[in-house]
Amino acid sequence: MLTIGIAGGTGSGKTTVVQQIIEQLPEGEVCLISQDSYYKDTSHLSFSERESINFDHPKAIDFDLLSRHLQELKKGISFEQPVYSFVDHNRTSETITTHPKKVVIVEGILILTHPEIRDLFDIKVYVHADSDERLIRRLKRDIIERGRDLDEVLTRYQSTLKPMHQEFIEPTKEYADIIVPTNRFNRVAVELIRNIINQKLGD
């Protein structure tokens, strides 16, 4: 099993890079896990309390559960991956049955901040985009897909997203084996990752 961690700031284009990596790989050989599924259960809090949580801080992530699930996959054991609702700021009652595959890709802004999680990755990737580009992508996603208004997104960006990126996410570049620029020059880096995966699939 080849385990790949793909990190980078919010709106950096991680999902696009993941899609570029897996689109030419054999169907059924890749397992995708999102860090977003592992926000801590906040059912004990009111909606207003959940709204005020700093979701861009490592403390918001249930790394213990993510670590346990990754270790289960390495042992050939399936697990139930949580499903998170950005509308309710909480996990739903649903889960996704996740089976071991030859390639496991874990994607999320904070996955390289945790030493135990980093040690579980065979390849660590950091997707880079400048701050203006990331802000534009975040605005589009939060307004269109998550029902946020412009003022809310901008306030959260200035008060939380930007400082958390500078404190926790940007420094994880140093742990990356490959840094992918999310523009037209990313073809070489993506192709390199694909080649590594194909070699693993051929073993």
N, C-alpha and C. Protein backbone atom coordinates (compact mmCIF):
# COMPACT_ATOMS: atom_id res chain seq x y z
N MET A 1 0.84 -1.20 0.00
CA MET A 1 0.00 0.00 0.00
C MET A 1 0.88 1.25 0.00
N LEU A 2 0.56 2.19 -0.91
CA LEU A 2 1.26 3.46 -0.99
C LEU A 2 0.36 4.54 -0.44
N THR A 3 0.81 5.25 0.59
CA THR A 3 0.00 6.28 1.24
C THR A 3 0.58 7.65 0.93
N ILE A 4 -0.25 8.53 0.36
CA ILE A 4 0.19 9.86 -0.08
C ILE A 4 -0.59 10.92 0.68
N GLY A 5 0.11 11.87 1.29
CA GLY A 5 -0.52 13.00 1.95
C GLY A 5 -0.41 14.24 1.08
N ILE A 6 -1.53 14.90 0.80
CA ILE A 6 -1.52 16.10 -0.03
C ILE A 6 -2.06 17.27 0.78
N ALA A 7 -1.18 18.21 1.10
CA ALA A 7 -1.53 19.37 1.94
C ALA A 7 -1.40 20.65 1.12
N GLY A 8 -1.65 21.78 1.79
CA GLY A 8 -1.59 23.09 1.15
C GLY A 8 -2.69 23.96 1.72
N GLY A 9 -2.58 25.26 1.52
CA GLY A 9 -3.53 26.19 2.10
C GLY A 9 -4.93 26.06 1.53
N THR A 10 -5.90 26.64 2.24
CA THR A 10 -7.27 26.62 1.76
C THR A 10 -7.35 27.31 0.40
N GLY A 11 -8.04 26.67 -0.55
CA GLY A 11 -8.15 27.24 -1.88
C GLY A 11 -6.91 27.13 -2.73
N SER A 12 -5.96 26.30 -2.32
CA SER A 12 -4.71 26.18 -3.08
C SER A 12 -4.85 25.31 -4.32
N GLY A 13 -5.92 24.53 -4.39
CA GLY A 13 -6.12 23.66 -5.55
C GLY A 13 -5.79 22.21 -5.27
N LYS A 14 -5.82 21.80 -4.01
CA LYS A 14 -5.49 20.42 -3.65
C LYS A 14 -6.42 19.41 -4.33
N THR A 15 -7.71 19.73 -4.32
CA THR A 15 -8.68 18.80 -4.92
C THR A 15 -8.43 18.63 -6.41
N THR A 16 -8.08 19.73 -7.09
CA THR A 16 -7.78 19.66 -8.52
C THR A 16 -6.56 18.79 -8.77
N VAL A 17 -5.53 18.95 -7.96
CA VAL A 17 -4.32 18.14 -8.11
C VAL A 17 -4.64 16.66 -7.87
N VAL A 18 -5.45 16.38 -6.85
CA VAL A 18 -5.85 14.99 -6.58
C VAL A 18 -6.55 14.41 -7.80
N GLN A 19 -7.48 15.17 -8.37
CA GLN A 19 -8.20 14.69 -9.55
C GLN A 19 -7.26 14.45 -10.72
N GLN A 20 -6.28 15.33 -10.90
CA GLN A 20 -5.31 15.16 -11.98
C GLN A 20 -4.47 13.90 -11.78
N ILE A 21 -4.19 13.59 -10.52
CA ILE A 21 -3.37 12.42 -10.22
C ILE A 21 -4.14 11.13 -10.50
N ILE A 22 -5.40 11.08 -10.07
CA ILE A 22 -6.13 9.81 -10.12
C ILE A 22 -6.89 9.58 -11.42
N GLU A 23 -7.05 10.62 -12.26
CA GLU A 23 -7.91 10.49 -13.43
C GLU A 23 -7.41 9.45 -14.42
N GLN A 24 -6.11 9.17 -14.44
CA GLN A 24 -5.57 8.19 -15.38
C GLN A 24 -5.13 6.90 -14.68
N LEU A 25 -5.50 6.76 -13.42
CA LEU A 25 -5.15 5.55 -12.69
C LEU A 25 -6.28 4.54 -12.78
N PRO A 26 -5.97 3.25 -12.63
CA PRO A 26 -7.00 2.21 -12.73
C PRO A 26 -8.12 2.43 -11.72
N GLU A 27 -9.35 2.34 -12.19
CA GLU A 27 -10.50 2.52 -11.31
C GLU A 27 -10.52 1.44 -10.24
N GLY A 28 -10.78 1.84 -9.00
CA GLY A 28 -10.86 0.88 -7.91
C GLY A 28 -9.55 0.62 -7.20
N GLU A 29 -8.48 1.28 -7.66
CA GLU A 29 -7.17 1.05 -7.04
C GLU A 29 -6.80 2.16 -6.05
N VAL A 30 -7.61 3.24 -6.00
CA VAL A 30 -7.25 4.39 -5.18
C VAL A 30 -8.34 4.66 -4.15
N CYS A 31 -7.92 4.90 -2.92
CA CYS A 31 -8.81 5.27 -1.83
C CYS A 31 -8.52 6.72 -1.46
N LEU A 32 -9.55 7.56 -1.42
CA LEU A 32 -9.38 8.98 -1.12
C LEU A 32 -10.00 9.30 0.23
N ILE A 33 -9.21 9.93 1.10
CA ILE A 33 -9.67 10.31 2.43
C ILE A 33 -9.49 11.82 2.59
N SER A 34 -10.55 12.50 3.01
CA SER A 34 -10.49 13.94 3.21
C SER A 34 -10.33 14.28 4.68
N GLN A 35 -9.40 15.19 4.97
CA GLN A 35 -9.24 15.67 6.34
C GLN A 35 -10.54 16.26 6.87
N ASP A 36 -11.34 16.86 5.98
CA ASP A 36 -12.60 17.48 6.40
C ASP A 36 -13.52 16.49 7.11
N SER A 37 -13.39 15.22 6.78
CA SER A 37 -14.22 14.20 7.44
C SER A 37 -13.86 14.04 8.91
N TYR A 38 -12.70 14.55 9.29
CA TYR A 38 -12.18 14.29 10.63
C TYR A 38 -12.20 15.52 11.54
N TYR A 39 -13.02 16.51 11.20
CA TYR A 39 -13.27 17.55 12.19
C TYR A 39 -13.93 16.89 13.40
N LYS A 40 -13.56 17.34 14.58
CA LYS A 40 -14.06 16.71 15.80
C LYS A 40 -15.58 16.80 15.89
N ASP A 41 -16.17 15.80 16.52
CA ASP A 41 -17.61 15.78 16.74
C ASP A 41 -17.97 16.92 17.70
N THR A 42 -18.87 17.78 17.28
CA THR A 42 -19.25 18.93 18.11
C THR A 42 -20.75 18.90 18.45
N SER A 43 -21.30 17.71 18.53
CA SER A 43 -22.74 17.57 18.80
C SER A 43 -23.14 18.16 20.14
N HIS A 44 -22.20 18.23 21.07
CA HIS A 44 -22.50 18.73 22.41
C HIS A 44 -22.58 20.26 22.45
N LEU A 45 -22.26 20.92 21.34
CA LEU A 45 -22.28 22.38 21.30
C LEU A 45 -23.50 22.89 20.55
N SER A 46 -23.90 24.12 20.87
CA SER A 46 -24.99 24.75 20.14
C SER A 46 -24.48 25.19 18.76
N PHE A 47 -25.40 25.52 17.86
CA PHE A 47 -24.99 25.94 16.52
C PHE A 47 -24.13 27.19 16.58
N SER A 48 -24.49 28.15 17.42
CA SER A 48 -23.71 29.39 17.52
C SER A 48 -22.31 29.11 18.06
N GLU A 49 -22.21 28.15 18.98
CA GLU A 49 -20.89 27.77 19.51
C GLU A 49 -20.06 27.08 18.42
N ARG A 50 -20.70 26.26 17.61
CA ARG A 50 -19.97 25.57 16.54
C ARG A 50 -19.49 26.56 15.48
N GLU A 51 -20.31 27.59 15.24
CA GLU A 51 -19.92 28.62 14.26
C GLU A 51 -18.64 29.34 14.65
N SER A 52 -18.39 29.45 15.94
CA SER A 52 -17.24 30.22 16.42
C SER A 52 -15.96 29.40 16.51
N ILE A 53 -16.03 28.11 16.19
CA ILE A 53 -14.85 27.25 16.27
C ILE A 53 -13.83 27.66 15.21
N ASN A 54 -12.57 27.64 15.57
CA ASN A 54 -11.49 27.90 14.62
C ASN A 54 -11.17 26.58 13.90
N PHE A 55 -11.79 26.36 12.76
CA PHE A 55 -11.62 25.11 12.03
C PHE A 55 -10.30 25.04 11.28
N ASP A 56 -9.51 26.09 11.32
CA ASP A 56 -8.21 26.09 10.64
C ASP A 56 -7.06 25.88 11.62
N HIS A 57 -7.40 25.52 12.85
CA HIS A 57 -6.40 25.19 13.86
C HIS A 57 -6.30 23.68 13.99
N PRO A 58 -5.09 23.14 14.15
CA PRO A 58 -4.94 21.68 14.28
C PRO A 58 -5.80 21.05 15.37
N LYS A 59 -6.14 21.81 16.40
CA LYS A 59 -6.95 21.26 17.49
C LYS A 59 -8.36 20.92 17.04
N ALA A 60 -8.79 21.43 15.88
CA ALA A 60 -10.13 21.14 15.38
C ALA A 60 -10.22 19.75 14.75
N ILE A 61 -9.08 19.13 14.50
CA ILE A 61 -9.03 17.85 13.80
C ILE A 61 -8.87 16.68 14.77
N ASP A 62 -9.64 15.62 14.53
CA ASP A 62 -9.52 14.40 15.33
C ASP A 62 -8.42 13.53 14.73
N PHE A 63 -7.17 13.92 15.01
CA PHE A 63 -6.03 13.21 14.43
C PHE A 63 -5.92 11.78 14.97
N ASP A 64 -6.37 11.56 16.19
CA ASP A 64 -6.32 10.21 16.75
C ASP A 64 -7.16 9.25 15.91
N LEU A 65 -8.37 9.69 15.54
CA LEU A 65 -9.24 8.84 14.73
C LEU A 65 -8.66 8.65 13.33
N LEU A 66 -8.13 9.71 12.73
CA LEU A 66 -7.53 9.61 11.40
C LEU A 66 -6.35 8.64 11.43
N SER A 67 -5.51 8.76 12.44
CA SER A 67 -4.36 7.87 12.57
C SER A 67 -4.81 6.42 12.70
N ARG A 68 -5.83 6.19 13.53
CA ARG A 68 -6.32 4.83 13.73
C ARG A 68 -6.87 4.24 12.43
N HIS A 69 -7.59 5.06 11.68
CA HIS A 69 -8.15 4.59 10.42
C HIS A 69 -7.06 4.29 9.39
N LEU A 70 -6.04 5.12 9.31
CA LEU A 70 -4.94 4.86 8.37
C LEU A 70 -4.19 3.59 8.74
N GLN A 71 -4.00 3.37 10.02
CA GLN A 71 -3.32 2.16 10.46
C GLN A 71 -4.17 0.92 10.18
N GLU A 72 -5.49 1.06 10.28
CA GLU A 72 -6.37 -0.06 9.95
C GLU A 72 -6.26 -0.41 8.47
N LEU A 73 -6.21 0.62 7.62
CA LEU A 73 -6.06 0.36 6.19
C LEU A 73 -4.78 -0.39 5.90
N LYS A 74 -3.69 0.01 6.56
CA LYS A 74 -2.40 -0.65 6.34
C LYS A 74 -2.45 -2.12 6.76
N LYS A 75 -3.35 -2.44 7.68
CA LYS A 75 -3.53 -3.83 8.13
C LYS A 75 -4.55 -4.58 7.28
N GLY A 76 -5.10 -3.89 6.27
CA GLY A 76 -6.08 -4.53 5.40
C GLY A 76 -7.50 -4.52 5.96
N ILE A 77 -7.78 -3.60 6.88
CA ILE A 77 -9.08 -3.54 7.54
C ILE A 77 -9.87 -2.33 7.03
N SER A 78 -11.13 -2.55 6.67
CA SER A 78 -12.01 -1.46 6.26
C SER A 78 -12.49 -0.69 7.49
N PHE A 79 -12.97 0.55 7.27
CA PHE A 79 -13.50 1.33 8.39
C PHE A 79 -14.61 2.24 7.88
N GLU A 80 -15.31 2.88 8.81
CA GLU A 80 -16.38 3.80 8.48
C GLU A 80 -15.86 5.24 8.59
N GLN A 81 -15.72 5.91 7.44
CA GLN A 81 -15.22 7.29 7.41
C GLN A 81 -16.36 8.25 7.72
N PRO A 82 -16.17 9.16 8.67
CA PRO A 82 -17.23 10.12 9.01
C PRO A 82 -17.58 11.01 7.81
N VAL A 83 -18.77 11.57 7.85
CA VAL A 83 -19.21 12.55 6.85
C VAL A 83 -19.49 13.86 7.56
N TYR A 84 -18.88 14.93 7.08
CA TYR A 84 -18.98 16.23 7.75
C TYR A 84 -19.89 17.17 6.97
N SER A 85 -20.68 17.96 7.68
CA SER A 85 -21.55 18.96 7.07
C SER A 85 -21.02 20.37 7.35
N PHE A 86 -20.67 21.11 6.29
CA PHE A 86 -20.20 22.48 6.45
C PHE A 86 -21.36 23.43 6.75
N VAL A 87 -22.56 22.99 6.48
CA VAL A 87 -23.73 23.81 6.78
C VAL A 87 -24.02 23.77 8.28
N ASP A 88 -23.93 22.57 8.87
CA ASP A 88 -24.21 22.41 10.30
C ASP A 88 -22.97 22.53 11.18
N HIS A 89 -21.79 22.62 10.56
CA HIS A 89 -20.53 22.67 11.30
C HIS A 89 -20.39 21.46 12.23
N ASN A 90 -20.72 20.29 11.72
CA ASN A 90 -20.67 19.10 12.56
C ASN A 90 -20.71 17.86 11.67
N ARG A 91 -20.33 16.72 12.26
CA ARG A 91 -20.47 15.46 11.56
C ARG A 91 -21.94 15.11 11.41
N THR A 92 -22.25 14.40 10.34
CA THR A 92 -23.60 13.90 10.16
C THR A 92 -23.69 12.50 10.77
N SER A 93 -24.85 11.91 10.69
CA SER A 93 -25.03 10.54 11.20
C SER A 93 -24.57 9.51 10.18
N GLU A 94 -24.24 9.96 8.97
CA GLU A 94 -23.83 9.05 7.91
C GLU A 94 -22.32 8.77 7.98
N THR A 95 -21.93 7.63 7.40
CA THR A 95 -20.52 7.29 7.25
C THR A 95 -20.31 6.69 5.87
N ILE A 96 -19.05 6.65 5.45
CA ILE A 96 -18.70 6.04 4.17
C ILE A 96 -17.78 4.85 4.45
N THR A 97 -18.19 3.68 4.03
CA THR A 97 -17.36 2.50 4.21
C THR A 97 -16.13 2.62 3.31
N THR A 98 -14.97 2.59 3.91
CA THR A 98 -13.71 2.82 3.19
C THR A 98 -12.87 1.56 3.24
N HIS A 99 -12.51 1.06 2.05
CA HIS A 99 -11.80 -0.22 1.95
C HIS A 99 -10.32 0.00 1.62
N PRO A 100 -9.45 -0.92 2.04
CA PRO A 100 -8.03 -0.83 1.69
C PRO A 100 -7.83 -0.89 0.17
N LYS A 101 -6.92 -0.07 -0.33
CA LYS A 101 -6.58 -0.06 -1.76
C LYS A 101 -5.05 -0.06 -1.88
N LYS A 102 -4.57 -0.23 -3.09
CA LYS A 102 -3.12 -0.18 -3.29
C LYS A 102 -2.58 1.22 -3.05
N VAL A 103 -3.41 2.24 -3.33
CA VAL A 103 -2.99 3.63 -3.14
C VAL A 103 -4.02 4.34 -2.26
N VAL A 104 -3.54 5.00 -1.22
CA VAL A 104 -4.40 5.78 -0.34
C VAL A 104 -3.93 7.24 -0.41
N ILE A 105 -4.85 8.15 -0.76
CA ILE A 105 -4.53 9.57 -0.81
C ILE A 105 -5.30 10.28 0.29
N VAL A 106 -4.57 11.00 1.15
CA VAL A 106 -5.19 11.77 2.22
C VAL A 106 -4.97 13.25 1.89
N GLU A 107 -6.07 14.01 1.84
CA GLU A 107 -5.99 15.41 1.41
C GLU A 107 -6.54 16.33 2.49
N GLY A 108 -5.80 17.43 2.77
CA GLY A 108 -6.29 18.38 3.76
C GLY A 108 -5.25 19.42 4.12
N ILE A 109 -5.70 20.58 4.63
CA ILE A 109 -4.79 21.69 4.87
C ILE A 109 -3.83 21.43 6.03
N LEU A 110 -4.23 20.58 6.98
CA LEU A 110 -3.46 20.44 8.22
C LEU A 110 -2.80 19.08 8.39
N ILE A 111 -2.87 18.22 7.39
CA ILE A 111 -2.42 16.84 7.60
C ILE A 111 -0.91 16.70 7.80
N LEU A 112 -0.14 17.70 7.39
CA LEU A 112 1.32 17.62 7.60
C LEU A 112 1.75 18.30 8.90
N THR A 113 0.79 18.82 9.67
CA THR A 113 1.14 19.47 10.94
C THR A 113 1.32 18.46 12.07
N HIS A 114 0.85 17.24 11.87
CA HIS A 114 0.83 16.24 12.95
C HIS A 114 1.91 15.18 12.70
N PRO A 115 2.91 15.07 13.59
CA PRO A 115 4.04 14.15 13.36
C PRO A 115 3.63 12.71 13.13
N GLU A 116 2.69 12.19 13.91
CA GLU A 116 2.29 10.79 13.76
C GLU A 116 1.63 10.54 12.40
N ILE A 117 0.82 11.50 11.96
CA ILE A 117 0.18 11.37 10.65
C ILE A 117 1.23 11.45 9.55
N ARG A 118 2.15 12.40 9.67
CA ARG A 118 3.21 12.53 8.66
C ARG A 118 3.98 11.23 8.49
N ASP A 119 4.25 10.55 9.59
CA ASP A 119 5.02 9.32 9.54
C ASP A 119 4.30 8.19 8.81
N LEU A 120 2.99 8.33 8.65
CA LEU A 120 2.21 7.29 7.98
C LEU A 120 2.20 7.48 6.45
N PHE A 121 2.73 8.62 5.98
CA PHE A 121 2.74 8.89 4.54
C PHE A 121 4.05 8.42 3.91
N ASP A 122 3.92 7.73 2.78
CA ASP A 122 5.11 7.35 2.00
C ASP A 122 5.59 8.53 1.16
N ILE A 123 4.64 9.36 0.72
CA ILE A 123 4.96 10.56 -0.05
C ILE A 123 4.17 11.72 0.51
N LYS A 124 4.86 12.84 0.74
CA LYS A 124 4.20 14.05 1.27
C LYS A 124 4.26 15.14 0.20
N VAL A 125 3.09 15.66 -0.17
CA VAL A 125 2.97 16.65 -1.23
C VAL A 125 2.39 17.94 -0.66
N TYR A 126 2.94 19.07 -1.08
CA TYR A 126 2.41 20.38 -0.69
C TYR A 126 2.01 21.11 -1.96
N VAL A 127 0.73 21.54 -2.03
CA VAL A 127 0.22 22.27 -3.19
C VAL A 127 0.29 23.77 -2.88
N HIS A 128 1.01 24.50 -3.71
CA HIS A 128 1.26 25.92 -3.44
C HIS A 128 0.46 26.81 -4.39
N ALA A 129 -0.13 27.86 -3.84
CA ALA A 129 -0.75 28.93 -4.63
C ALA A 129 -0.60 30.22 -3.85
N ASP A 130 -0.51 31.35 -4.56
CA ASP A 130 -0.33 32.61 -3.83
C ASP A 130 -1.62 32.98 -3.11
N SER A 131 -1.51 33.91 -2.16
CA SER A 131 -2.62 34.22 -1.25
C SER A 131 -3.82 34.81 -1.97
N ASP A 132 -3.60 35.64 -2.99
CA ASP A 132 -4.73 36.22 -3.74
C ASP A 132 -5.54 35.13 -4.44
N GLU A 133 -4.83 34.20 -5.05
CA GLU A 133 -5.51 33.11 -5.75
C GLU A 133 -6.30 32.25 -4.79
N ARG A 134 -5.72 31.97 -3.62
CA ARG A 134 -6.40 31.15 -2.63
C ARG A 134 -7.66 31.85 -2.10
N LEU A 135 -7.56 33.15 -1.88
CA LEU A 135 -8.72 33.90 -1.38
C LEU A 135 -9.86 33.88 -2.38
N ILE A 136 -9.56 34.09 -3.64
CA ILE A 136 -10.59 34.08 -4.69
C ILE A 136 -11.28 32.72 -4.73
N ARG A 137 -10.50 31.65 -4.70
CA ARG A 137 -11.09 30.31 -4.74
C ARG A 137 -11.94 30.05 -3.51
N ARG A 138 -11.48 30.51 -2.35
CA ARG A 138 -12.23 30.30 -1.11
C ARG A 138 -13.55 31.08 -1.15
N LEU A 139 -13.51 32.30 -1.66
CA LEU A 139 -14.73 33.10 -1.79
C LEU A 139 -15.77 32.38 -2.65
N LYS A 140 -15.34 31.91 -3.82
CA LYS A 140 -16.26 31.23 -4.73
C LYS A 140 -16.84 29.99 -4.08
N ARG A 141 -15.99 29.19 -3.44
CA ARG A 141 -16.45 27.92 -2.86
C ARG A 141 -17.41 28.16 -1.70
N ASP A 142 -17.04 29.05 -0.79
CA ASP A 142 -17.87 29.24 0.41
C ASP A 142 -19.21 29.90 0.09
N ILE A 143 -19.22 30.81 -0.87
CA ILE A 143 -20.47 31.50 -1.22
C ILE A 143 -21.38 30.60 -2.03
N ILE A 144 -20.82 29.91 -3.02
CA ILE A 144 -21.63 29.10 -3.93
C ILE A 144 -21.99 27.74 -3.32
N GLU A 145 -21.00 27.07 -2.72
CA GLU A 145 -21.23 25.70 -2.26
C GLU A 145 -21.67 25.60 -0.81
N ARG A 146 -21.29 26.57 0.01
CA ARG A 146 -21.55 26.43 1.44
C ARG A 146 -22.51 27.48 2.00
N GLY A 147 -23.06 28.31 1.12
CA GLY A 147 -24.08 29.25 1.52
C GLY A 147 -23.63 30.39 2.42
N ARG A 148 -22.33 30.70 2.42
CA ARG A 148 -21.83 31.80 3.24
C ARG A 148 -22.04 33.13 2.49
N ASP A 149 -22.07 34.24 3.24
CA ASP A 149 -22.13 35.53 2.57
C ASP A 149 -20.73 36.14 2.50
N LEU A 150 -20.58 37.15 1.66
CA LEU A 150 -19.26 37.73 1.38
C LEU A 150 -18.59 38.25 2.64
N ASP A 151 -19.32 39.02 3.45
CA ASP A 151 -18.73 39.59 4.66
C ASP A 151 -18.24 38.50 5.61
N GLU A 152 -19.03 37.43 5.73
CA GLU A 152 -18.65 36.34 6.63
C GLU A 152 -17.35 35.69 6.17
N VAL A 153 -17.23 35.44 4.87
CA VAL A 153 -16.04 34.79 4.34
C VAL A 153 -14.81 35.67 4.51
N LEU A 154 -14.96 36.97 4.19
CA LEU A 154 -13.83 37.89 4.30
C LEU A 154 -13.39 38.07 5.76
N THR A 155 -14.35 38.16 6.67
CA THR A 155 -14.03 38.30 8.09
C THR A 155 -13.28 37.08 8.59
N ARG A 156 -13.77 35.89 8.21
CA ARG A 156 -13.10 34.65 8.64
C ARG A 156 -11.71 34.55 8.04
N TYR A 157 -11.57 34.99 6.79
CA TYR A 157 -10.26 34.93 6.14
C TYR A 157 -9.25 35.80 6.88
N GLN A 158 -9.65 37.03 7.20
CA GLN A 158 -8.73 37.97 7.85
C GLN A 158 -8.43 37.59 9.30
N SER A 159 -9.44 37.10 10.00
CA SER A 159 -9.27 36.82 11.44
C SER A 159 -8.74 35.43 11.73
N THR A 160 -8.99 34.49 10.82
CA THR A 160 -8.64 33.09 11.11
C THR A 160 -7.80 32.44 10.03
N LEU A 161 -8.33 32.40 8.80
CA LEU A 161 -7.66 31.64 7.75
C LEU A 161 -6.24 32.10 7.48
N LYS A 162 -6.07 33.41 7.30
CA LYS A 162 -4.73 33.93 6.96
C LYS A 162 -3.73 33.71 8.09
N PRO A 163 -4.05 34.09 9.34
CA PRO A 163 -3.07 33.85 10.41
C PRO A 163 -2.79 32.37 10.66
N MET A 164 -3.81 31.51 10.53
CA MET A 164 -3.60 30.07 10.73
C MET A 164 -2.73 29.49 9.61
N HIS A 165 -2.92 30.01 8.40
CA HIS A 165 -2.09 29.56 7.28
C HIS A 165 -0.62 29.88 7.55
N GLN A 166 -0.38 31.12 8.01
CA GLN A 166 1.00 31.54 8.25
C GLN A 166 1.63 30.80 9.42
N GLU A 167 0.81 30.49 10.44
CA GLU A 167 1.36 29.83 11.63
C GLU A 167 1.52 28.33 11.48
N PHE A 168 0.55 27.68 10.85
CA PHE A 168 0.55 26.22 10.85
C PHE A 168 0.76 25.56 9.48
N ILE A 169 0.19 26.14 8.43
CA ILE A 169 0.16 25.44 7.15
C ILE A 169 1.40 25.72 6.30
N GLU A 170 1.72 27.00 6.09
CA GLU A 170 2.88 27.35 5.28
C GLU A 170 4.17 26.67 5.78
N PRO A 171 4.41 26.59 7.10
CA PRO A 171 5.64 25.95 7.57
C PRO A 171 5.74 24.47 7.23
N THR A 172 4.62 23.81 6.91
CA THR A 172 4.69 22.37 6.61
C THR A 172 5.31 22.08 5.24
N LYS A 173 5.58 23.13 4.48
CA LYS A 173 6.30 22.94 3.21
C LYS A 173 7.60 22.18 3.42
N GLU A 174 8.23 22.43 4.57
CA GLU A 174 9.55 21.83 4.81
C GLU A 174 9.48 20.31 4.91
N TYR A 175 8.29 19.78 5.18
CA TYR A 175 8.14 18.32 5.29
C TYR A 175 7.80 17.67 3.95
N ALA A 176 7.50 18.48 2.93
CA ALA A 176 7.03 17.94 1.66
C ALA A 176 8.17 17.33 0.84
N ASP A 177 7.87 16.20 0.23
CA ASP A 177 8.80 15.58 -0.72
C ASP A 177 8.67 16.24 -2.09
N ILE A 178 7.45 16.70 -2.39
CA ILE A 178 7.16 17.33 -3.68
C ILE A 178 6.29 18.56 -3.43
N ILE A 179 6.66 19.70 -4.04
CA ILE A 179 5.84 20.90 -3.97
C ILE A 179 5.25 21.14 -5.36
N VAL A 180 3.91 21.22 -5.42
CA VAL A 180 3.22 21.36 -6.70
C VAL A 180 2.65 22.77 -6.83
N PRO A 181 3.08 23.55 -7.83
CA PRO A 181 2.45 24.85 -8.08
C PRO A 181 1.13 24.64 -8.81
N THR A 182 0.05 25.24 -8.33
CA THR A 182 -1.25 25.02 -8.98
C THR A 182 -1.47 26.01 -10.10
N ASN A 183 -0.73 25.81 -11.16
CA ASN A 183 -0.92 26.58 -12.39
C ASN A 183 -0.49 25.69 -13.54
N ARG A 184 -0.27 26.26 -14.69
CA ARG A 184 0.04 25.44 -15.86
C ARG A 184 1.38 24.72 -15.75
N PHE A 185 2.18 25.08 -14.74
CA PHE A 185 3.48 24.43 -14.61
C PHE A 185 3.42 23.18 -13.71
N ASN A 186 2.21 22.80 -13.28
CA ASN A 186 2.15 21.67 -12.36
C ASN A 186 2.21 20.32 -13.07
N ARG A 187 2.20 20.32 -14.40
CA ARG A 187 2.14 19.06 -15.15
C ARG A 187 3.28 18.12 -14.80
N VAL A 188 4.49 18.65 -14.68
CA VAL A 188 5.65 17.81 -14.42
C VAL A 188 5.54 17.15 -13.04
N ALA A 189 5.16 17.95 -12.03
CA ALA A 189 5.04 17.41 -10.68
C ALA A 189 3.95 16.36 -10.59
N VAL A 190 2.81 16.64 -11.22
CA VAL A 190 1.70 15.67 -11.21
C VAL A 190 2.10 14.39 -11.92
N GLU A 191 2.78 14.53 -13.05
CA GLU A 191 3.21 13.35 -13.80
C GLU A 191 4.22 12.52 -12.99
N LEU A 192 5.08 13.19 -12.24
CA LEU A 192 6.04 12.50 -11.38
C LEU A 192 5.31 11.65 -10.34
N ILE A 193 4.30 12.25 -9.72
CA ILE A 193 3.53 11.52 -8.71
C ILE A 193 2.81 10.33 -9.35
N ARG A 194 2.24 10.55 -10.52
CA ARG A 194 1.57 9.46 -11.24
C ARG A 194 2.53 8.31 -11.53
N ASN A 195 3.73 8.64 -11.96
CA ASN A 195 4.71 7.60 -12.27
C ASN A 195 5.07 6.78 -11.04
N ILE A 196 5.21 7.46 -9.91
CA ILE A 196 5.51 6.74 -8.66
C ILE A 196 4.37 5.79 -8.31
N ILE A 197 3.14 6.28 -8.47
CA ILE A 197 1.97 5.45 -8.17
C ILE A 197 1.90 4.26 -9.13
N ASN A 198 2.13 4.50 -10.41
CA ASN A 198 2.07 3.42 -11.39
C ASN A 198 3.11 2.35 -11.11
N GLN A 199 4.29 2.77 -10.65
CA GLN A 199 5.31 1.80 -10.28
C GLN A 199 4.82 0.92 -9.13
N LYS A 200 4.14 1.57 -8.15
CA LYS A 200 3.61 0.82 -7.03
C LYS A 200 2.52 -0.15 -7.46
N LEU A 201 1.64 0.29 -8.37
CA LEU A 201 0.58 -0.57 -8.85
C LEU A 201 1.11 -1.75 -9.63
N GLY A 202 2.31 -1.55 -10.22
CA GLY A 202 2.90 -2.63 -11.00
C GLY A 202 3.66 -3.65 -10.19
N ASP A 203 3.89 -3.34 -8.88
CA ASP A 203 4.64 -4.27 -8.03
C ASP A 203 3.86 -5.57 -7.80
